Protein backbone atom coordinates (compact mmCIF):
# COMPACT_ATOMS: atom_id res chain seq x y z
CA UNK A 1 25.21 15.95 -18.75
CA UNK A 2 21.45 15.22 -18.65
CA UNK A 3 20.14 11.50 -17.46
CA UNK A 4 18.45 9.59 -20.17
CA UNK A 5 16.33 6.90 -18.65
CA UNK A 6 16.25 4.95 -22.02
CA UNK A 7 19.97 4.70 -22.25
CA UNK A 8 20.77 3.80 -18.39
CA UNK A 9 22.03 0.14 -17.66
CA UNK A 10 19.40 -1.05 -15.16
CA UNK A 11 20.93 -4.36 -14.90
CA UNK A 12 24.67 -3.55 -14.27
CA UNK A 13 24.12 -2.26 -10.83
CA UNK A 14 21.45 -4.87 -9.66
CA UNK A 15 23.67 -5.97 -6.65
CA UNK A 16 23.38 -2.18 -5.32
CA UNK A 17 19.57 -2.27 -5.76
CA UNK A 18 19.45 -5.56 -4.09
CA UNK A 19 21.51 -4.32 -1.22
CA UNK A 20 19.41 -1.20 -0.83
CA UNK A 21 16.16 -3.32 -0.86
CA UNK A 22 17.48 -5.65 1.90
CA UNK A 23 18.51 -2.86 3.99
CA UNK A 24 15.01 -1.41 3.58
CA UNK A 25 13.25 -4.66 4.38
CA UNK A 26 15.49 -5.11 7.56
CA UNK A 27 14.75 -1.60 8.68
CA UNK A 28 11.07 -2.07 8.13
CA UNK A 29 10.88 -5.43 10.17
CA UNK A 30 12.70 -3.64 13.02
CA UNK A 31 10.37 -0.77 12.80
CA UNK A 32 7.17 -3.03 13.03
CA UNK A 33 8.81 -5.16 15.80
CA UNK A 34 9.49 -2.22 18.00
CA UNK A 35 7.13 0.50 17.05
CA UNK A 36 4.22 -1.56 15.54
CA UNK A 37 1.22 -0.18 13.86
CA UNK A 38 -1.20 2.43 15.15
CA UNK A 39 -4.47 0.33 14.54
CA UNK A 40 -7.73 2.14 14.13
CA UNK A 41 -10.86 0.86 15.62
CA UNK A 42 -11.48 -0.94 12.61
CA UNK A 43 -8.97 -3.64 13.63
CA UNK A 44 -9.10 -3.36 17.40
CA UNK A 45 -12.12 -2.21 19.51
CA UNK A 46 -13.66 1.22 19.95
CA UNK A 47 -16.44 3.56 18.85
CA UNK A 48 -16.20 6.55 16.28
CA UNK A 49 -18.57 9.44 16.46
CA UNK A 50 -18.86 11.76 13.49
CA UNK A 51 -20.30 15.24 14.25
CA UNK A 52 -21.19 17.59 11.74
CA UNK A 53 -22.58 21.20 11.96
CA UNK A 54 -23.28 24.50 9.93
CA UNK A 55 -20.76 26.22 12.08
CA UNK A 56 -17.13 25.59 13.10
CA UNK A 57 -16.81 22.97 15.84
CA UNK A 58 -14.71 23.65 18.79
CA UNK A 59 -12.75 20.86 20.62
CA UNK A 60 -13.90 22.27 24.01
CA UNK A 61 -17.61 22.05 22.97
CA UNK A 62 -17.09 18.50 21.76
CA UNK A 63 -15.92 17.45 25.01
CA UNK A 64 -18.71 19.25 26.74
CA UNK A 65 -21.23 17.46 24.72
CA UNK A 66 -19.78 14.03 25.34
CA UNK A 67 -19.70 14.71 28.97
CA UNK A 68 -23.42 15.92 28.91
CA UNK A 69 -24.12 12.33 27.57
CA UNK A 70 -22.77 11.01 30.65
CA UNK A 71 -19.35 9.90 29.33
CA UNK A 72 -16.13 10.93 30.80
CA UNK A 73 -14.14 13.17 28.22
CA UNK A 74 -11.04 11.22 29.22
CA UNK A 75 -12.25 8.35 27.23
CA UNK A 76 -11.77 10.19 24.05
CA UNK A 77 -8.96 8.69 22.05
CA UNK A 78 -8.57 11.44 19.45
CA UNK A 79 -10.70 14.20 17.66
CA UNK A 80 -10.01 14.97 13.98
CA UNK A 81 -11.60 18.00 12.27
CA UNK A 82 -12.26 18.29 8.59
CA UNK A 83 -14.22 20.46 6.19
CA UNK A 84 -12.88 23.61 7.72
CA UNK A 85 -13.75 22.69 11.18
CA UNK A 86 -17.44 21.81 10.31
CA UNK A 87 -16.92 18.07 10.68
CA UNK A 88 -15.41 16.35 13.77
CA UNK A 89 -14.61 12.70 14.09
CA UNK A 90 -14.31 11.56 17.75
CA UNK A 91 -12.91 8.17 18.56
CA UNK A 92 -13.06 6.20 21.63
CA UNK A 93 -11.18 3.12 22.74
CA UNK A 94 -13.96 1.43 24.26
CA UNK A 95 -17.15 -0.28 22.79
CA UNK A 96 -20.37 1.76 23.60
CA UNK A 97 -23.67 0.17 24.63
CA UNK A 98 -27.03 0.90 22.91
CA UNK A 99 -27.84 3.17 25.79
CA UNK A 100 -24.45 5.19 25.50
CA UNK A 101 -25.06 5.52 21.86
CA UNK A 102 -28.61 6.92 22.47
CA UNK A 103 -27.41 9.34 24.98
CA UNK A 104 -24.66 10.58 22.65
CA UNK A 105 -27.09 11.09 19.79
CA UNK A 106 -29.51 12.92 21.98
CA UNK A 107 -26.69 15.34 23.38
CA UNK A 108 -25.04 15.95 19.96
CA UNK A 109 -28.39 16.59 18.28
CA UNK A 110 -29.34 18.94 20.97
CA UNK A 111 -26.16 21.03 20.63
CA UNK A 112 -25.54 20.85 16.72
CA UNK A 113 -29.18 20.30 15.51
CA UNK A 114 -27.93 17.25 13.49
CA UNK A 115 -27.84 13.60 14.24
CA UNK A 116 -24.26 12.13 14.55
CA UNK A 117 -23.08 9.11 12.72
CA UNK A 118 -21.85 6.44 15.26
CA UNK A 119 -20.07 3.32 14.61
CA UNK A 120 -18.80 0.77 17.02
CA UNK A 121 -16.66 -2.24 16.62
CA UNK A 122 -16.19 -5.04 19.14
CA UNK A 123 -12.84 -6.71 19.99
CA UNK A 124 -14.22 -9.81 18.15
CA UNK A 125 -15.26 -7.99 14.95
CA UNK A 126 -11.91 -6.16 14.97
CA UNK A 127 -10.08 -9.35 15.02
CA UNK A 128 -12.14 -10.71 12.14
CA UNK A 129 -11.58 -7.66 10.10
CA UNK A 130 -7.79 -7.88 10.70
CA UNK A 131 -7.84 -11.48 9.72
CA UNK A 132 -9.80 -10.85 6.76
CA UNK A 133 -7.58 -8.05 5.55
CA UNK A 134 -4.62 -10.44 5.73
CA UNK A 135 -6.54 -13.07 3.83
CA UNK A 136 -7.33 -10.54 1.10
CA UNK A 137 -3.71 -9.64 0.63
CA UNK A 138 -2.50 -13.19 0.63
CA UNK A 139 -5.21 -14.26 -1.94
CA UNK A 140 -4.42 -11.49 -4.16
CA UNK A 141 -0.81 -12.52 -4.21
CA UNK A 142 -1.71 -16.06 -4.73
CA UNK A 143 -3.99 -14.95 -7.65
CA UNK A 144 -1.04 -12.94 -9.16
CA UNK A 145 1.42 -15.86 -8.93
CA UNK A 146 -1.16 -18.21 -10.57
CA UNK A 147 -1.96 -15.61 -13.22
CA UNK A 148 1.41 -14.55 -14.08
CA UNK A 149 2.76 -18.11 -13.97
CA UNK A 150 0.07 -19.20 -16.47
CA UNK A 151 0.58 -16.30 -18.78
CA UNK A 152 4.26 -16.35 -18.76
CA UNK A 153 6.50 -18.95 -16.62
CA UNK A 154 6.58 -19.60 -12.71
CA UNK A 155 9.87 -17.47 -12.31
CA UNK A 156 8.04 -14.52 -13.53
CA UNK A 157 5.25 -15.05 -10.88
CA UNK A 158 7.69 -15.56 -8.23
CA UNK A 159 9.67 -12.35 -9.03
CA UNK A 160 6.42 -10.23 -9.28
CA UNK A 161 5.05 -11.52 -5.95
CA UNK A 162 8.42 -10.76 -4.24
CA UNK A 163 8.39 -7.22 -5.56
CA UNK A 164 4.80 -6.91 -4.31
CA UNK A 165 5.56 -7.97 -0.83
CA UNK A 166 8.25 -5.49 -0.82
CA UNK A 167 5.94 -2.71 -1.73
CA UNK A 168 3.40 -3.74 0.72
CA UNK A 169 6.12 -3.81 3.45
CA UNK A 170 7.21 -0.35 2.63
CA UNK A 171 3.82 1.16 3.03
CA UNK A 172 3.37 -0.74 6.38
CA UNK A 173 6.81 0.40 7.40
CA UNK A 174 6.06 4.11 6.60
CA UNK A 175 2.83 3.96 8.55
CA UNK A 176 4.70 2.48 11.42
CA UNK A 177 7.36 5.03 11.37
CA UNK A 178 4.98 7.93 11.61
CA UNK A 179 2.21 6.19 13.56
CA UNK A 180 -0.47 6.97 10.96
CA UNK A 181 -3.73 5.31 11.99
CA UNK A 182 -4.34 2.12 9.92
CA UNK A 183 -7.94 1.43 8.85
CA UNK A 184 -9.90 -0.21 6.20
CA UNK A 185 -8.94 2.60 3.72
CA UNK A 186 -5.32 1.56 4.28
CA UNK A 187 -6.10 -2.06 3.00
CA UNK A 188 -7.82 -0.76 0.08
CA UNK A 189 -4.84 1.38 -0.85
CA UNK A 190 -2.48 -1.66 -0.35
CA UNK A 191 -4.64 -3.64 -2.87
CA UNK A 192 -4.73 -0.89 -5.16
CA UNK A 193 -1.13 -0.51 -5.16
CA UNK A 194 -0.58 -4.15 -5.75
CA UNK A 195 -2.80 -3.73 -8.94
CA UNK A 196 -0.77 -0.89 -10.26
CA UNK A 197 2.58 -2.49 -9.43
CA UNK A 198 1.58 -5.78 -11.14
CA UNK A 199 0.47 -3.74 -14.27
CA UNK A 200 3.94 -2.22 -14.51
CA UNK A 201 5.71 -5.35 -13.88
CA UNK A 202 3.86 -7.32 -16.40
CA UNK A 203 4.41 -4.73 -19.11
CA UNK A 204 8.07 -5.16 -18.55
CA UNK A 205 7.97 -9.03 -18.58
CA UNK A 206 5.83 -8.87 -21.60
CA UNK A 207 8.63 -7.14 -23.39
CA UNK A 208 11.43 -9.46 -21.96
CA UNK A 209 9.40 -12.49 -22.97
CA UNK A 210 9.06 -10.88 -26.63
CA UNK A 211 12.72 -10.01 -26.67
CA UNK A 212 13.74 -13.43 -25.46
CA UNK A 213 11.62 -15.14 -27.98
CA UNK A 214 13.48 -13.21 -30.78
CA UNK A 215 16.90 -14.04 -29.38
CA UNK A 216 16.04 -17.82 -28.90
CA UNK A 217 14.55 -18.11 -32.46
CA UNK A 218 15.48 -21.40 -34.11
CA UNK A 219 16.02 -23.10 -30.77
CA UNK A 220 19.23 -21.12 -30.02
CA UNK A 221 20.20 -20.75 -26.39
CA UNK A 222 21.34 -17.57 -24.81
CA UNK A 223 23.93 -16.84 -22.43
CA UNK A 224 23.55 -15.04 -19.18
CA UNK A 225 25.26 -11.94 -20.61
CA UNK A 226 22.67 -11.93 -23.43
CA UNK A 227 19.82 -12.46 -21.01
CA UNK A 228 21.22 -9.56 -18.96
CA UNK A 229 21.21 -7.46 -22.25
CA UNK A 230 17.53 -8.62 -23.11
CA UNK A 231 16.38 -7.45 -19.71
CA UNK A 232 18.12 -4.29 -19.71
CA UNK A 233 16.87 -3.35 -23.20
CA UNK A 234 13.21 -4.34 -22.21
CA UNK A 235 13.34 -1.80 -19.17
CA UNK A 236 14.61 0.75 -21.32
CA UNK A 237 11.86 0.18 -24.00
CA UNK A 238 9.08 0.42 -21.27
CA UNK A 239 10.59 2.97 -18.72
CA UNK A 240 8.83 6.04 -20.24
CA UNK A 241 5.60 4.35 -20.12
CA UNK A 242 5.98 3.18 -16.57
CA UNK A 243 7.06 6.67 -15.43
CA UNK A 244 4.31 8.64 -17.29
CA UNK A 245 1.69 6.09 -15.86
CA UNK A 246 2.87 6.30 -12.33
CA UNK A 247 3.40 10.17 -12.49
CA UNK A 248 -0.22 10.72 -13.57
CA UNK A 249 -1.69 8.56 -10.79
CA UNK A 250 0.76 10.34 -8.21
CA UNK A 251 -0.72 13.70 -9.21
CA UNK A 252 -4.32 12.41 -8.54
CA UNK A 253 -3.25 10.79 -5.29
CA UNK A 254 -1.56 14.02 -4.10
CA UNK A 255 -4.68 16.08 -5.10
CA UNK A 256 -6.82 13.52 -3.02
CA UNK A 257 -4.27 13.92 -0.09
CA UNK A 258 -4.31 17.95 -0.21
CA UNK A 259 -8.07 18.50 -1.08
CA UNK A 260 -9.66 15.46 0.13
CA UNK A 261 -11.56 14.96 3.44
CA UNK A 262 -9.67 13.75 6.62
CA UNK A 263 -11.36 10.31 6.22
CA UNK A 264 -9.59 9.35 3.10
CA UNK A 265 -6.16 11.24 3.76
CA UNK A 266 -4.64 7.90 5.04
CA UNK A 267 -5.66 6.25 1.88
CA UNK A 268 -4.28 8.93 -0.23
CA UNK A 269 -0.98 8.96 1.49
CA UNK A 270 -0.71 5.12 1.30
CA UNK A 271 -1.13 5.57 -2.25
CA UNK A 272 1.44 8.02 -2.74
CA UNK A 273 4.28 6.06 -0.79
CA UNK A 274 3.12 2.83 -2.55
CA UNK A 275 3.14 4.24 -6.01
CA UNK A 276 6.69 5.46 -5.62
CA UNK A 277 7.87 2.10 -3.92
CA UNK A 278 5.78 0.28 -6.78
CA UNK A 279 7.70 2.17 -9.58
CA UNK A 280 10.88 1.39 -7.83
CA UNK A 281 10.36 -2.25 -7.57
CA UNK A 282 8.99 -2.58 -11.10
CA UNK A 283 12.20 -1.03 -12.54
CA UNK A 284 14.92 -2.08 -10.23
CA UNK A 285 13.82 -5.30 -8.47
CA UNK A 286 11.40 -7.55 -10.30
CA UNK A 287 13.28 -7.92 -13.64
CA UNK A 288 16.48 -8.16 -11.92
CA UNK A 289 15.12 -10.76 -9.69
CA UNK A 290 13.87 -12.93 -12.75
CA UNK A 291 17.26 -12.43 -14.52
CA UNK A 292 19.13 -13.97 -11.42
CA UNK A 293 16.62 -16.79 -11.10
CA UNK A 294 16.88 -17.49 -14.87
CA UNK A 295 20.56 -17.35 -14.70
CA UNK A 296 20.58 -20.08 -12.20
CA UNK A 297 18.54 -22.26 -14.56
CA UNK A 298 20.94 -21.78 -17.42
CA UNK A 299 23.87 -22.87 -15.11
CA UNK A 300 21.97 -25.91 -14.09
CA UNK A 301 21.11 -26.57 -17.91
CA UNK A 302 24.73 -26.36 -18.72
CA UNK A 303 25.86 -28.81 -16.00
CA UNK A 304 23.28 -31.27 -17.14
CA UNK A 305 24.33 -31.04 -20.70
């Protein structure tokens, strides 16, 4: 018997979805508490040196070049290679002075005949970037609440943002679990996922509002069971569109991860994880949360009458 997404009851098992989601949130919080995040120099303090060459670059040669510049190779935090080994990204925990940067440039240029790209971040700048990244996510969430509340109702906005916070937390927890470096690309990926997830959720809510308007035509009040049927029917009517949209973007993100450079690999991976979790939250969390909150207002209305 084949599974038909347009016939499945998405509302009936909402308590199971909520239980799974709560368990994922608890595990994610524990992960962040005990493992934390592998913050890149964009959010802490350090220096990145990008070395390019016509030939393949060897790690031993990179360390030798760094030592020729008067810097202990032990200060190297990590070396990542891309473009078939012709590009090396060398990171250091410490912040380099202008004199050290000049020495590295001379040493690298003498060895590889190309001037390296060097970026250094102080502790203060790192803290400012981290703070601004948090503000960006919070302001995006606030803007979504205002927009959805204005276009629909406040309950729609609350359900949407709770689903978005779930998506963002899942991406962060994934990066914490595997200790993948978190940089500015990661923040860009989170904001991108928020946009895609909101798009899917609003499409579903738009159908819910349309179907609910038809059911309440003439001032008729709907029961909770009718409301649950409307939500389930709305998800069924939009599920194929949601799946097709997300799958096409996932294919693009997967191509970026496989064939893209090392610099955007973290961005691509965050997109992959976020798109999957965004599709899950749009289908199994957002509308069901709205149903529960709306159902409680129905109960209060009955008691008031």
